[in-house]
Amino acid sequence: HGWQSMAGVLEHLLSGLFEKLGVNLVVRAIELPPISGIAAVDQAELLLGGRSTLANTLGWSSIYGSDVDMVIWDDYSAINTNSETDNTLDDTAIQLFDLFARQALLSGSASLPFLWGGDFDVLRNLHES
């Protein structure tokens, strides 16, 4: 349900504040690709961190435009360590986040978007290079 997504809640909670500041708030969410008709094993693989957003990443500017101010990455792999779930990225997800972040940074025509979430080492590397 769209209004129960993180993007929907964020827009609902912050739209009044942004309106008072005279800023037009536009929130867009990356939707998971359709998974009906896909085997359960393939569905599980697709839903691991970053794999579901690859098509959106490759078409970043065409889909989201060049005026994006903030990007939130919340697509994490669940890695089980000692029967606890850790929200860290596996090696493939780190590479996909790196591509995602680079596409976001390259898409801006006037300014760079603020990146929230993802792998800190990737963000530090992008900042230093």
Foldseek 3Di string as FASTA:
>chain_A
DVCPDPQNVVCVVCVVVCVVVVHHDDTDDDDFDDCPPPDPVVVVVCQAALNRCQVCLVCVCVVPNQPAAADERDRFGFDADPNDTDRAHDPVNLVSVLSSQVSQQVSHDPDHHHYHDDDVVSVVVVVVD
